[in-house]
Amino acid sequence: MKSILTFALACILLPSVVAGPAKETKPEPLLSGFVKDVNGRKVELSKYKGKVLLIVNTASKCGNTPQYAGLEAIYRKYKDKGFVVLAFPANDFGRQEPGTDSEILQFCTSTYNVTFPVFSKISVKDPNKAPLYRKLTDPASKTGGEIEWNFAKFLVNRKGEVVARFPAGMKPETPAITSAIEKELAVKR
């Protein structure tokens, strides 16, 4: 009986001794994978590596919708220095983004003269949360937690790391946001 127990214990423990300690899996980088732009084209997020990004969930029929003007203003001000605004329309809060992708693009360009990248409508809330927003809102990160409303903003440095999160109601051109952008732009690759 003792030899059977010894054999059983060896069978259980031997694979872990031979295999060594379990490897820690690194989280997938923020700027990995693909998204679709508002025209339906596949865009690799890695194309934005080396840029400072402001990632924003947007909506066309929200009290915060006029923030498109501020987003465009800061995009134009800093784009030549390596800054990009990435807008992700979402219909998760009060059904305030009911339009199709083409209607969203038409609204953004005709109402706010938006020239920064606008992507296909996604979900920023569970259960259908887009992979990018799963990473952005990961509770283990310092800026994690669920999106509270349209126009939540995430500042991403040139390394692809989220360095700040700004609430939905904070206007893009406020000094807190612009100074954070300038600080990140000052850091060279």
N, C-alpha and C. Protein backbone atom coordinates (compact mmCIF):
# COMPACT_ATOMS: atom_id res chain seq x y z
N MET A 1 0.83 -1.20 0.00
CA MET A 1 0.00 0.00 0.00
C MET A 1 0.87 1.26 0.00
N LYS A 2 1.96 1.21 0.80
CA LYS A 2 2.85 2.36 0.90
C LYS A 2 3.49 2.66 -0.46
N SER A 3 3.85 1.62 -1.20
CA SER A 3 4.48 1.83 -2.51
C SER A 3 3.48 2.40 -3.52
N ILE A 4 2.21 2.05 -3.40
CA ILE A 4 1.19 2.60 -4.29
C ILE A 4 1.02 4.09 -4.02
N LEU A 5 0.98 4.47 -2.75
CA LEU A 5 0.86 5.90 -2.39
C LEU A 5 2.08 6.68 -2.85
N THR A 6 3.26 6.10 -2.69
CA THR A 6 4.49 6.76 -3.14
C THR A 6 4.45 6.96 -4.65
N PHE A 7 4.03 5.93 -5.38
CA PHE A 7 3.94 6.02 -6.83
C PHE A 7 2.93 7.09 -7.26
N ALA A 8 1.76 7.11 -6.61
CA ALA A 8 0.72 8.09 -6.93
C ALA A 8 1.21 9.51 -6.67
N LEU A 9 1.88 9.72 -5.55
CA LEU A 9 2.42 11.03 -5.22
C LEU A 9 3.48 11.46 -6.24
N ALA A 10 4.32 10.53 -6.65
CA ALA A 10 5.34 10.83 -7.65
C ALA A 10 4.71 11.22 -8.98
N CYS A 11 3.64 10.55 -9.35
CA CYS A 11 2.94 10.87 -10.60
C CYS A 11 2.33 12.27 -10.57
N ILE A 12 1.91 12.67 -9.40
CA ILE A 12 1.30 14.00 -9.25
C ILE A 12 2.36 15.08 -9.24
N LEU A 13 3.45 14.87 -8.51
CA LEU A 13 4.46 15.91 -8.33
C LEU A 13 5.50 15.97 -9.44
N LEU A 14 5.82 14.87 -10.07
CA LEU A 14 6.88 14.83 -11.06
C LEU A 14 6.66 15.80 -12.22
N PRO A 15 5.47 15.89 -12.81
CA PRO A 15 5.31 16.83 -13.93
C PRO A 15 5.62 18.27 -13.54
N SER A 16 5.27 18.69 -12.33
CA SER A 16 5.54 20.07 -11.94
C SER A 16 7.02 20.29 -11.68
N VAL A 17 7.72 19.27 -11.20
CA VAL A 17 9.16 19.39 -10.97
C VAL A 17 9.89 19.45 -12.30
N VAL A 18 9.50 18.59 -13.24
CA VAL A 18 10.13 18.55 -14.55
C VAL A 18 9.84 19.83 -15.33
N ALA A 19 8.61 20.28 -15.29
CA ALA A 19 8.20 21.46 -16.06
C ALA A 19 8.75 22.74 -15.45
N GLY A 20 9.06 22.75 -14.17
CA GLY A 20 9.55 23.96 -13.52
C GLY A 20 8.38 24.81 -13.06
N PRO A 21 8.71 25.97 -12.52
CA PRO A 21 7.65 26.84 -12.02
C PRO A 21 6.79 27.36 -13.17
N ALA A 22 5.54 27.63 -12.86
CA ALA A 22 4.62 28.16 -13.86
C ALA A 22 5.11 29.52 -14.33
N LYS A 23 5.04 29.74 -15.63
CA LYS A 23 5.45 31.02 -16.19
C LYS A 23 4.32 32.02 -16.04
N GLU A 24 4.72 33.24 -15.68
CA GLU A 24 3.73 34.30 -15.58
C GLU A 24 3.42 34.79 -16.98
N THR A 25 2.16 34.90 -17.31
CA THR A 25 1.80 35.40 -18.63
C THR A 25 1.72 36.92 -18.56
N LYS A 26 2.38 37.54 -19.53
CA LYS A 26 2.35 38.99 -19.59
C LYS A 26 1.04 39.42 -20.23
N PRO A 27 0.47 40.51 -19.74
CA PRO A 27 -0.75 40.98 -20.38
C PRO A 27 -0.46 41.41 -21.82
N GLU A 28 -1.44 41.24 -22.66
CA GLU A 28 -1.31 41.64 -24.06
C GLU A 28 -1.13 43.15 -24.13
N PRO A 29 -0.19 43.63 -24.95
CA PRO A 29 0.02 45.08 -25.05
C PRO A 29 -1.26 45.81 -25.47
N LEU A 30 -1.41 47.01 -24.98
CA LEU A 30 -2.59 47.82 -25.29
C LEU A 30 -2.76 47.99 -26.80
N LEU A 31 -1.67 48.30 -27.48
CA LEU A 31 -1.75 48.59 -28.91
C LEU A 31 -1.46 47.34 -29.74
N SER A 32 -2.19 46.29 -29.45
CA SER A 32 -2.11 45.06 -30.25
C SER A 32 -3.51 44.74 -30.74
N GLY A 33 -3.57 44.02 -31.82
CA GLY A 33 -4.87 43.66 -32.37
C GLY A 33 -5.34 44.67 -33.40
N PHE A 34 -6.55 44.44 -33.85
CA PHE A 34 -7.13 45.26 -34.92
C PHE A 34 -8.44 45.89 -34.46
N VAL A 35 -8.76 47.01 -35.07
CA VAL A 35 -10.07 47.65 -34.93
C VAL A 35 -10.51 48.03 -36.33
N LYS A 36 -11.77 48.36 -36.49
CA LYS A 36 -12.26 48.84 -37.78
C LYS A 36 -12.48 50.34 -37.69
N ASP A 37 -12.05 51.04 -38.74
CA ASP A 37 -12.33 52.47 -38.75
C ASP A 37 -13.78 52.68 -39.18
N VAL A 38 -14.21 53.92 -39.16
CA VAL A 38 -15.61 54.24 -39.44
C VAL A 38 -16.01 53.92 -40.88
N ASN A 39 -15.01 53.71 -41.74
CA ASN A 39 -15.28 53.31 -43.12
C ASN A 39 -15.23 51.80 -43.31
N GLY A 40 -15.06 51.06 -42.21
CA GLY A 40 -15.05 49.61 -42.27
C GLY A 40 -13.71 48.98 -42.58
N ARG A 41 -12.65 49.79 -42.67
CA ARG A 41 -11.31 49.26 -42.95
C ARG A 41 -10.66 48.77 -41.66
N LYS A 42 -9.96 47.66 -41.77
CA LYS A 42 -9.24 47.08 -40.64
C LYS A 42 -7.99 47.93 -40.36
N VAL A 43 -7.80 48.31 -39.11
CA VAL A 43 -6.65 49.13 -38.71
C VAL A 43 -5.90 48.40 -37.61
N GLU A 44 -4.61 48.22 -37.80
CA GLU A 44 -3.77 47.59 -36.78
C GLU A 44 -3.41 48.67 -35.75
N LEU A 45 -3.75 48.41 -34.49
CA LEU A 45 -3.48 49.39 -33.44
C LEU A 45 -1.99 49.68 -33.27
N SER A 46 -1.15 48.73 -33.62
CA SER A 46 0.30 48.93 -33.48
C SER A 46 0.81 50.08 -34.34
N LYS A 47 0.04 50.52 -35.32
CA LYS A 47 0.47 51.65 -36.15
C LYS A 47 0.57 52.93 -35.34
N TYR A 48 -0.04 52.94 -34.14
CA TYR A 48 0.00 54.13 -33.29
C TYR A 48 1.12 54.08 -32.25
N LYS A 49 1.93 53.01 -32.26
CA LYS A 49 3.07 52.96 -31.34
C LYS A 49 4.00 54.11 -31.67
N GLY A 50 4.56 54.72 -30.64
CA GLY A 50 5.44 55.86 -30.84
C GLY A 50 4.70 57.19 -30.85
N LYS A 51 3.38 57.14 -30.79
CA LYS A 51 2.55 58.35 -30.73
C LYS A 51 2.00 58.52 -29.32
N VAL A 52 1.66 59.75 -28.97
CA VAL A 52 0.91 60.01 -27.74
C VAL A 52 -0.56 60.03 -28.15
N LEU A 53 -1.38 59.26 -27.45
CA LEU A 53 -2.78 59.09 -27.84
C LEU A 53 -3.73 59.57 -26.76
N LEU A 54 -4.87 60.09 -27.20
CA LEU A 54 -6.00 60.32 -26.31
C LEU A 54 -7.13 59.47 -26.89
N ILE A 55 -7.46 58.39 -26.18
CA ILE A 55 -8.50 57.46 -26.62
C ILE A 55 -9.79 57.83 -25.91
N VAL A 56 -10.86 58.04 -26.71
CA VAL A 56 -12.11 58.58 -26.17
C VAL A 56 -13.29 57.79 -26.71
N ASN A 57 -14.23 57.42 -25.81
CA ASN A 57 -15.50 56.84 -26.27
C ASN A 57 -16.45 58.01 -26.50
N THR A 58 -17.03 58.07 -27.68
CA THR A 58 -17.81 59.24 -28.09
C THR A 58 -19.27 58.89 -28.37
N ALA A 59 -20.08 59.93 -28.50
CA ALA A 59 -21.50 59.78 -28.85
C ALA A 59 -21.98 61.08 -29.48
N SER A 60 -22.90 60.98 -30.42
CA SER A 60 -23.37 62.15 -31.18
C SER A 60 -24.56 62.86 -30.55
N LYS A 61 -25.24 62.23 -29.62
CA LYS A 61 -26.45 62.82 -29.05
C LYS A 61 -26.35 62.89 -27.52
N CYS A 62 -25.24 63.41 -27.05
CA CYS A 62 -24.94 63.45 -25.62
C CYS A 62 -24.67 64.89 -25.21
N GLY A 63 -24.88 65.19 -23.96
CA GLY A 63 -24.54 66.52 -23.45
C GLY A 63 -23.06 66.84 -23.61
N ASN A 64 -22.22 65.80 -23.70
CA ASN A 64 -20.78 66.00 -23.88
C ASN A 64 -20.36 66.05 -25.35
N THR A 65 -21.29 65.89 -26.27
CA THR A 65 -20.96 65.85 -27.70
C THR A 65 -20.18 67.08 -28.16
N PRO A 66 -20.45 68.29 -27.64
CA PRO A 66 -19.63 69.44 -28.06
C PRO A 66 -18.13 69.27 -27.78
N GLN A 67 -17.76 68.27 -26.99
CA GLN A 67 -16.34 68.01 -26.76
C GLN A 67 -15.61 67.61 -28.05
N TYR A 68 -16.36 67.21 -29.07
CA TYR A 68 -15.71 66.94 -30.36
C TYR A 68 -14.91 68.16 -30.81
N ALA A 69 -15.44 69.36 -30.59
CA ALA A 69 -14.73 70.58 -30.99
C ALA A 69 -13.41 70.70 -30.24
N GLY A 70 -13.42 70.44 -28.95
CA GLY A 70 -12.20 70.50 -28.15
C GLY A 70 -11.21 69.42 -28.54
N LEU A 71 -11.72 68.23 -28.84
CA LEU A 71 -10.84 67.15 -29.29
C LEU A 71 -10.16 67.52 -30.60
N GLU A 72 -10.92 68.11 -31.51
CA GLU A 72 -10.34 68.54 -32.79
C GLU A 72 -9.31 69.64 -32.58
N ALA A 73 -9.61 70.57 -31.66
CA ALA A 73 -8.67 71.67 -31.39
C ALA A 73 -7.34 71.15 -30.85
N ILE A 74 -7.38 70.23 -29.89
CA ILE A 74 -6.11 69.73 -29.35
C ILE A 74 -5.41 68.82 -30.36
N TYR A 75 -6.17 68.11 -31.17
CA TYR A 75 -5.55 67.29 -32.21
C TYR A 75 -4.78 68.17 -33.18
N ARG A 76 -5.40 69.23 -33.65
CA ARG A 76 -4.73 70.13 -34.59
C ARG A 76 -3.52 70.80 -33.96
N LYS A 77 -3.63 71.14 -32.68
CA LYS A 77 -2.54 71.83 -31.99
C LYS A 77 -1.30 70.94 -31.84
N TYR A 78 -1.50 69.65 -31.57
CA TYR A 78 -0.39 68.77 -31.22
C TYR A 78 -0.06 67.68 -32.24
N LYS A 79 -0.85 67.54 -33.30
CA LYS A 79 -0.66 66.40 -34.21
C LYS A 79 0.72 66.38 -34.85
N ASP A 80 1.29 67.53 -35.15
CA ASP A 80 2.61 67.56 -35.79
C ASP A 80 3.73 67.17 -34.83
N LYS A 81 3.40 67.06 -33.55
CA LYS A 81 4.39 66.66 -32.54
C LYS A 81 4.26 65.18 -32.18
N GLY A 82 3.32 64.48 -32.85
CA GLY A 82 3.16 63.05 -32.60
C GLY A 82 1.97 62.69 -31.73
N PHE A 83 0.94 63.53 -31.73
CA PHE A 83 -0.26 63.30 -30.92
C PHE A 83 -1.43 62.91 -31.82
N VAL A 84 -2.23 61.95 -31.37
CA VAL A 84 -3.40 61.52 -32.13
C VAL A 84 -4.57 61.29 -31.17
N VAL A 85 -5.74 61.78 -31.56
CA VAL A 85 -6.99 61.46 -30.86
C VAL A 85 -7.59 60.26 -31.58
N LEU A 86 -8.01 59.25 -30.83
CA LEU A 86 -8.70 58.09 -31.39
C LEU A 86 -10.10 58.06 -30.80
N ALA A 87 -11.11 58.26 -31.66
CA ALA A 87 -12.50 58.31 -31.20
C ALA A 87 -13.20 56.98 -31.48
N PHE A 88 -13.82 56.44 -30.44
CA PHE A 88 -14.56 55.18 -30.54
C PHE A 88 -16.01 55.42 -30.17
N PRO A 89 -16.88 55.64 -31.17
CA PRO A 89 -18.30 55.83 -30.88
C PRO A 89 -18.87 54.60 -30.17
N ALA A 90 -19.75 54.87 -29.20
CA ALA A 90 -20.38 53.78 -28.44
C ALA A 90 -21.80 54.18 -28.09
N ASN A 91 -22.69 53.22 -28.12
CA ASN A 91 -24.11 53.46 -27.84
C ASN A 91 -24.51 52.88 -26.48
N ASP A 92 -23.56 52.82 -25.56
CA ASP A 92 -23.78 52.15 -24.28
C ASP A 92 -24.50 52.99 -23.23
N PHE A 93 -24.51 54.28 -23.37
CA PHE A 93 -25.06 55.15 -22.33
C PHE A 93 -26.23 55.95 -22.89
N GLY A 94 -27.42 55.59 -22.48
CA GLY A 94 -28.61 56.32 -22.90
C GLY A 94 -28.90 56.26 -24.39
N ARG A 95 -28.34 55.27 -25.07
CA ARG A 95 -28.54 55.12 -26.52
C ARG A 95 -28.27 56.43 -27.25
N GLN A 96 -27.16 57.05 -26.89
CA GLN A 96 -26.83 58.37 -27.42
C GLN A 96 -25.95 58.33 -28.67
N GLU A 97 -25.72 57.13 -29.19
CA GLU A 97 -25.02 56.99 -30.47
C GLU A 97 -25.76 55.97 -31.32
N PRO A 98 -26.99 56.34 -31.76
CA PRO A 98 -27.83 55.38 -32.49
C PRO A 98 -27.48 55.23 -33.96
N GLY A 99 -26.68 56.13 -34.51
CA GLY A 99 -26.43 56.15 -35.95
C GLY A 99 -25.56 55.02 -36.44
N THR A 100 -25.57 54.85 -37.76
CA THR A 100 -24.67 53.91 -38.42
C THR A 100 -23.29 54.55 -38.48
N ASP A 101 -22.29 53.77 -38.84
CA ASP A 101 -20.94 54.33 -38.95
C ASP A 101 -20.89 55.49 -39.94
N SER A 102 -21.56 55.34 -41.08
CA SER A 102 -21.53 56.43 -42.08
C SER A 102 -22.25 57.67 -41.56
N GLU A 103 -23.33 57.49 -40.81
CA GLU A 103 -24.03 58.64 -40.21
C GLU A 103 -23.16 59.32 -39.15
N ILE A 104 -22.43 58.53 -38.39
CA ILE A 104 -21.54 59.08 -37.37
C ILE A 104 -20.44 59.91 -38.03
N LEU A 105 -19.83 59.36 -39.08
CA LEU A 105 -18.77 60.09 -39.79
C LEU A 105 -19.31 61.39 -40.38
N GLN A 106 -20.48 61.32 -41.00
CA GLN A 106 -21.10 62.51 -41.58
C GLN A 106 -21.33 63.57 -40.50
N PHE A 107 -21.85 63.16 -39.36
CA PHE A 107 -22.10 64.08 -38.25
C PHE A 107 -20.79 64.71 -37.77
N CYS A 108 -19.78 63.89 -37.54
CA CYS A 108 -18.50 64.39 -37.01
C CYS A 108 -17.83 65.38 -37.95
N THR A 109 -17.85 65.07 -39.24
CA THR A 109 -17.17 65.94 -40.19
C THR A 109 -17.97 67.19 -40.52
N SER A 110 -19.28 67.07 -40.64
CA SER A 110 -20.08 68.25 -41.00
C SER A 110 -20.35 69.17 -39.82
N THR A 111 -20.48 68.63 -38.62
CA THR A 111 -20.80 69.45 -37.45
C THR A 111 -19.55 69.98 -36.76
N TYR A 112 -18.51 69.16 -36.67
CA TYR A 112 -17.32 69.55 -35.89
C TYR A 112 -16.02 69.54 -36.71
N ASN A 113 -16.12 69.32 -38.02
CA ASN A 113 -14.94 69.30 -38.89
C ASN A 113 -13.84 68.37 -38.36
N VAL A 114 -14.24 67.23 -37.86
CA VAL A 114 -13.30 66.28 -37.27
C VAL A 114 -12.36 65.73 -38.35
N THR A 115 -11.07 65.77 -38.04
CA THR A 115 -10.06 65.20 -38.95
C THR A 115 -9.26 64.07 -38.28
N PHE A 116 -9.44 63.87 -36.98
CA PHE A 116 -8.74 62.77 -36.29
C PHE A 116 -9.45 61.45 -36.58
N PRO A 117 -8.77 60.32 -36.35
CA PRO A 117 -9.37 59.02 -36.65
C PRO A 117 -10.62 58.72 -35.82
N VAL A 118 -11.67 58.33 -36.52
CA VAL A 118 -12.92 57.88 -35.89
C VAL A 118 -13.10 56.42 -36.30
N PHE A 119 -13.44 55.59 -35.34
CA PHE A 119 -13.53 54.16 -35.58
C PHE A 119 -14.98 53.70 -35.60
N SER A 120 -15.16 52.48 -36.01
CA SER A 120 -16.48 51.87 -36.06
C SER A 120 -17.06 51.79 -34.65
N LYS A 121 -18.38 51.89 -34.58
CA LYS A 121 -19.06 51.86 -33.28
C LYS A 121 -18.76 50.55 -32.56
N ILE A 122 -18.46 50.68 -31.26
CA ILE A 122 -18.12 49.53 -30.42
C ILE A 122 -18.93 49.60 -29.13
N SER A 123 -18.71 48.61 -28.28
CA SER A 123 -19.26 48.65 -26.92
C SER A 123 -18.11 48.83 -25.95
N VAL A 124 -18.30 49.71 -24.97
CA VAL A 124 -17.27 49.95 -23.95
C VAL A 124 -17.70 49.37 -22.60
N LYS A 125 -18.83 48.66 -22.60
CA LYS A 125 -19.35 48.04 -21.39
C LYS A 125 -19.54 46.54 -21.61
N ASP A 126 -19.50 45.80 -20.51
CA ASP A 126 -19.80 44.37 -20.58
C ASP A 126 -21.26 44.18 -20.89
N PRO A 127 -21.67 43.11 -21.51
CA PRO A 127 -20.88 41.91 -21.78
C PRO A 127 -20.15 41.94 -23.12
N ASN A 128 -20.38 42.95 -23.94
CA ASN A 128 -19.81 42.98 -25.29
C ASN A 128 -18.65 43.97 -25.43
N LYS A 129 -17.98 44.25 -24.34
CA LYS A 129 -16.90 45.24 -24.34
C LYS A 129 -15.82 44.88 -25.35
N ALA A 130 -15.42 45.86 -26.15
CA ALA A 130 -14.37 45.67 -27.15
C ALA A 130 -13.04 45.34 -26.47
N PRO A 131 -12.19 44.53 -27.11
CA PRO A 131 -10.91 44.15 -26.51
C PRO A 131 -10.06 45.34 -26.06
N LEU A 132 -10.00 46.40 -26.86
CA LEU A 132 -9.22 47.58 -26.46
C LEU A 132 -9.74 48.14 -25.14
N TYR A 133 -11.04 48.22 -25.00
CA TYR A 133 -11.62 48.77 -23.77
C TYR A 133 -11.52 47.78 -22.60
N ARG A 134 -11.41 46.49 -22.87
CA ARG A 134 -11.12 45.54 -21.79
C ARG A 134 -9.76 45.86 -21.18
N LYS A 135 -8.79 46.17 -22.05
CA LYS A 135 -7.45 46.51 -21.57
C LYS A 135 -7.46 47.86 -20.86
N LEU A 136 -8.12 48.85 -21.44
CA LEU A 136 -8.14 50.19 -20.84
C LEU A 136 -8.78 50.20 -19.46
N THR A 137 -9.80 49.37 -19.28
CA THR A 137 -10.56 49.39 -18.02
C THR A 137 -10.17 48.27 -17.07
N ASP A 138 -9.10 47.57 -17.36
CA ASP A 138 -8.65 46.47 -16.51
C ASP A 138 -8.50 46.96 -15.07
N PRO A 139 -9.22 46.37 -14.13
CA PRO A 139 -9.17 46.82 -12.74
C PRO A 139 -7.77 46.72 -12.11
N ALA A 140 -6.90 45.90 -12.70
CA ALA A 140 -5.55 45.76 -12.16
C ALA A 140 -4.65 46.94 -12.52
N SER A 141 -5.07 47.77 -13.47
CA SER A 141 -4.25 48.91 -13.87
C SER A 141 -4.59 50.13 -13.02
N LYS A 142 -3.66 51.09 -13.00
CA LYS A 142 -3.87 52.27 -12.17
C LYS A 142 -4.99 53.17 -12.71
N THR A 143 -5.35 53.00 -13.96
CA THR A 143 -6.42 53.82 -14.54
C THR A 143 -7.65 52.98 -14.86
N GLY A 144 -7.70 51.77 -14.34
CA GLY A 144 -8.78 50.84 -14.64
C GLY A 144 -10.10 51.23 -14.00
N GLY A 145 -11.09 50.41 -14.25
CA GLY A 145 -12.44 50.65 -13.76
C GLY A 145 -13.37 50.92 -14.91
N GLU A 146 -14.62 50.67 -14.69
CA GLU A 146 -15.61 50.80 -15.76
C GLU A 146 -15.75 52.24 -16.26
N ILE A 147 -16.13 52.36 -17.52
CA ILE A 147 -16.41 53.66 -18.13
C ILE A 147 -17.71 54.16 -17.52
N GLU A 148 -17.72 55.42 -17.11
CA GLU A 148 -18.90 55.97 -16.44
C GLU A 148 -19.88 56.66 -17.40
N TRP A 149 -19.38 57.16 -18.52
CA TRP A 149 -20.25 57.87 -19.46
C TRP A 149 -19.49 58.13 -20.75
N ASN A 150 -20.17 58.72 -21.72
CA ASN A 150 -19.56 59.09 -22.99
C ASN A 150 -18.48 60.15 -22.77
N PHE A 151 -17.40 60.03 -23.52
CA PHE A 151 -16.28 60.96 -23.53
C PHE A 151 -15.32 60.78 -22.35
N ALA A 152 -15.22 59.55 -21.82
CA ALA A 152 -14.12 59.24 -20.90
C ALA A 152 -12.84 59.21 -21.74
N LYS A 153 -11.76 59.70 -21.17
CA LYS A 153 -10.52 59.88 -21.94
C LYS A 153 -9.35 59.15 -21.29
N PHE A 154 -8.56 58.46 -22.12
CA PHE A 154 -7.37 57.75 -21.66
C PHE A 154 -6.17 58.32 -22.41
N LEU A 155 -5.17 58.79 -21.67
CA LEU A 155 -3.94 59.29 -22.28
C LEU A 155 -2.92 58.15 -22.30
N VAL A 156 -2.38 57.89 -23.48
CA VAL A 156 -1.44 56.79 -23.69
C VAL A 156 -0.11 57.37 -24.14
N ASN A 157 0.98 56.94 -23.50
CA ASN A 157 2.30 57.47 -23.86
C ASN A 157 2.85 56.78 -25.11
N ARG A 158 4.04 57.21 -25.52
CA ARG A 158 4.66 56.69 -26.75
C ARG A 158 4.99 55.19 -26.65
N LYS A 159 5.10 54.67 -25.43
CA LYS A 159 5.38 53.25 -25.22
C LYS A 159 4.12 52.40 -25.28
N GLY A 160 2.96 53.05 -25.40
CA GLY A 160 1.70 52.31 -25.43
C GLY A 160 1.14 52.02 -24.06
N GLU A 161 1.53 52.82 -23.06
CA GLU A 161 1.06 52.64 -21.69
C GLU A 161 0.06 53.73 -21.33
N VAL A 162 -1.01 53.36 -20.66
CA VAL A 162 -1.97 54.36 -20.19
C VAL A 162 -1.33 55.09 -19.02
N VAL A 163 -1.24 56.41 -19.13
CA VAL A 163 -0.60 57.20 -18.08
C VAL A 163 -1.59 58.07 -17.32
N ALA A 164 -2.78 58.27 -17.88
CA ALA A 164 -3.78 59.08 -17.19
C ALA A 164 -5.17 58.76 -17.74
N ARG A 165 -6.14 59.01 -16.89
CA ARG A 165 -7.54 58.87 -17.28
C ARG A 165 -8.26 60.12 -16.83
N PHE A 166 -9.09 60.65 -17.72
CA PHE A 166 -9.83 61.87 -17.42
C PHE A 166 -11.32 61.59 -17.52
N PRO A 167 -12.11 62.17 -16.62
CA PRO A 167 -13.54 61.88 -16.59
C PRO A 167 -14.28 62.43 -17.81
N ALA A 168 -15.42 61.84 -18.06
CA ALA A 168 -16.25 62.19 -19.22
C ALA A 168 -16.57 63.68 -19.29
N GLY A 169 -16.85 64.29 -18.16
CA GLY A 169 -17.25 65.69 -18.15
C GLY A 169 -16.12 66.69 -18.32
N MET A 170 -14.87 66.23 -18.26
CA MET A 170 -13.73 67.14 -18.38
C MET A 170 -13.50 67.48 -19.85
N LYS A 171 -13.51 68.77 -20.16
CA LYS A 171 -13.32 69.20 -21.55
C LYS A 171 -11.87 68.95 -21.99
N PRO A 172 -11.69 68.53 -23.24
CA PRO A 172 -10.35 68.16 -23.72
C PRO A 172 -9.32 69.28 -23.65
N GLU A 173 -9.76 70.52 -23.80
CA GLU A 173 -8.81 71.63 -23.85
C GLU A 173 -8.48 72.20 -22.47
N THR A 174 -8.92 71.55 -21.40
CA THR A 174 -8.60 72.03 -20.05
C THR A 174 -7.11 71.84 -19.78
N PRO A 175 -6.54 72.72 -18.94
CA PRO A 175 -5.10 72.62 -18.65
C PRO A 175 -4.66 71.26 -18.10
N ALA A 176 -5.50 70.60 -17.33
CA ALA A 176 -5.11 69.29 -16.79
C ALA A 176 -4.81 68.31 -17.92
N ILE A 177 -5.60 68.36 -18.97
CA ILE A 177 -5.40 67.44 -20.10
C ILE A 177 -4.27 67.93 -21.00
N THR A 178 -4.29 69.20 -21.36
CA THR A 178 -3.26 69.69 -22.29
C THR A 178 -1.86 69.64 -21.67
N SER A 179 -1.74 69.90 -20.37
CA SER A 179 -0.41 69.82 -19.75
C SER A 179 0.07 68.37 -19.69
N ALA A 180 -0.85 67.43 -19.47
CA ALA A 180 -0.47 66.01 -19.47
C ALA A 180 -0.03 65.57 -20.87
N ILE A 181 -0.72 66.06 -21.89
CA ILE A 181 -0.33 65.76 -23.28
C ILE A 181 1.06 66.32 -23.55
N GLU A 182 1.27 67.58 -23.19
CA GLU A 182 2.57 68.23 -23.43
C GLU A 182 3.70 67.50 -22.71
N LYS A 183 3.43 67.06 -21.50
CA LYS A 183 4.44 66.32 -20.73
C LYS A 183 4.83 65.04 -21.47
N GLU A 184 3.85 64.32 -22.00
CA GLU A 184 4.14 63.08 -22.71
C GLU A 184 4.81 63.34 -24.06
N LEU A 185 4.43 64.42 -24.72
CA LEU A 185 5.07 64.75 -26.00
C LEU A 185 6.53 65.13 -25.81
N ALA A 186 6.87 65.67 -24.65
CA ALA A 186 8.25 66.07 -24.37
C ALA A 186 9.18 64.86 -24.20
N VAL A 187 8.59 63.70 -23.91
CA VAL A 187 9.38 62.47 -23.76
C VAL A 187 9.59 61.89 -25.15
N LYS A 188 10.83 61.83 -25.57
CA LYS A 188 11.12 61.29 -26.91
C LYS A 188 11.20 59.78 -26.85
N ARG A 189 10.99 59.17 -27.96
CA ARG A 189 10.96 57.70 -28.07
C ARG A 189 12.15 57.10 -27.47
